[in-house]
Amino acid sequence: MSIESLIKNFERAQIEAFFVQNRDMARELALEIIEKRRTLCAKKPEELRISWGGSKTLDECGIREALSERYNTLDPYALPKEEQNEAKRQALLSDVFLMSANAICESGEIVNIDGNGNRLGALIYGPDMVIIVAGKNKIVPTLKDAYARIKKVACPKNAQRLNRATPCAQEGVCGNCYIEGQTICAHTVVTRFSTIKDRIKVIIVDEELGF
């Protein structure tokens, strides 16, 4: 399937999608979208509330650092552990929330899996705008392929990154575990339609990024 067809499928789902050639272009486009949002809201840069979910892709694109230099950002992951949960709740009230995706189907469905669910909570409801940045490696043909990618690629690598004592971190494939304080695949969400038109923006990057 072509990128053009994927973008049209997103359009049908009331999700605005873009395709850029590299991570630098992704960062600049994200900044442009956010600045347009700020202007529309008639807010000063320090008044615009921006937060994000944990994302290797955002780091690889330099997006969080660029935003922190320009706007009022809330980074829950930069806070002491005992303050992170409250910060994640506050992030649900953001003007703009940024994240990546675990998989994107050619049909335009976005598939994500989470441990605490704060990232998915923001995607579903709360922030006025959600920007998803994802590398081309996240695109898969079907929902079945999306689940397979998450179980064999995204979850194991994220569990290793987070130093979790889970079967996937040790064996490289999902063990369908139930381990208190360790299991990271507690919630799975498939986004197939945005009830608020263009609230969700997807930036697809012609590079392999994140997990």
Foldseek 3Di string as FASTA:
>chain_A
DDPVLLQVLQVVQLAHEAEDAALQVVLVVVVVVVVVLCVVVVHAQAPAEEEEDDFQQCVVSVNVVVSVVGHNYQYLVVDPPVCSVVSLVVNLQGQEYEYAALAAESSGKTKHFWAVCSRVSSVQHRHQAYEYEAEPVRYDHDPVVSVQSCFQPVQCVVLCVVVAPAPCVVPRGHPVDDDPPGDTGPDMDMRSHDPPRNRYYYYYYHDHTTD
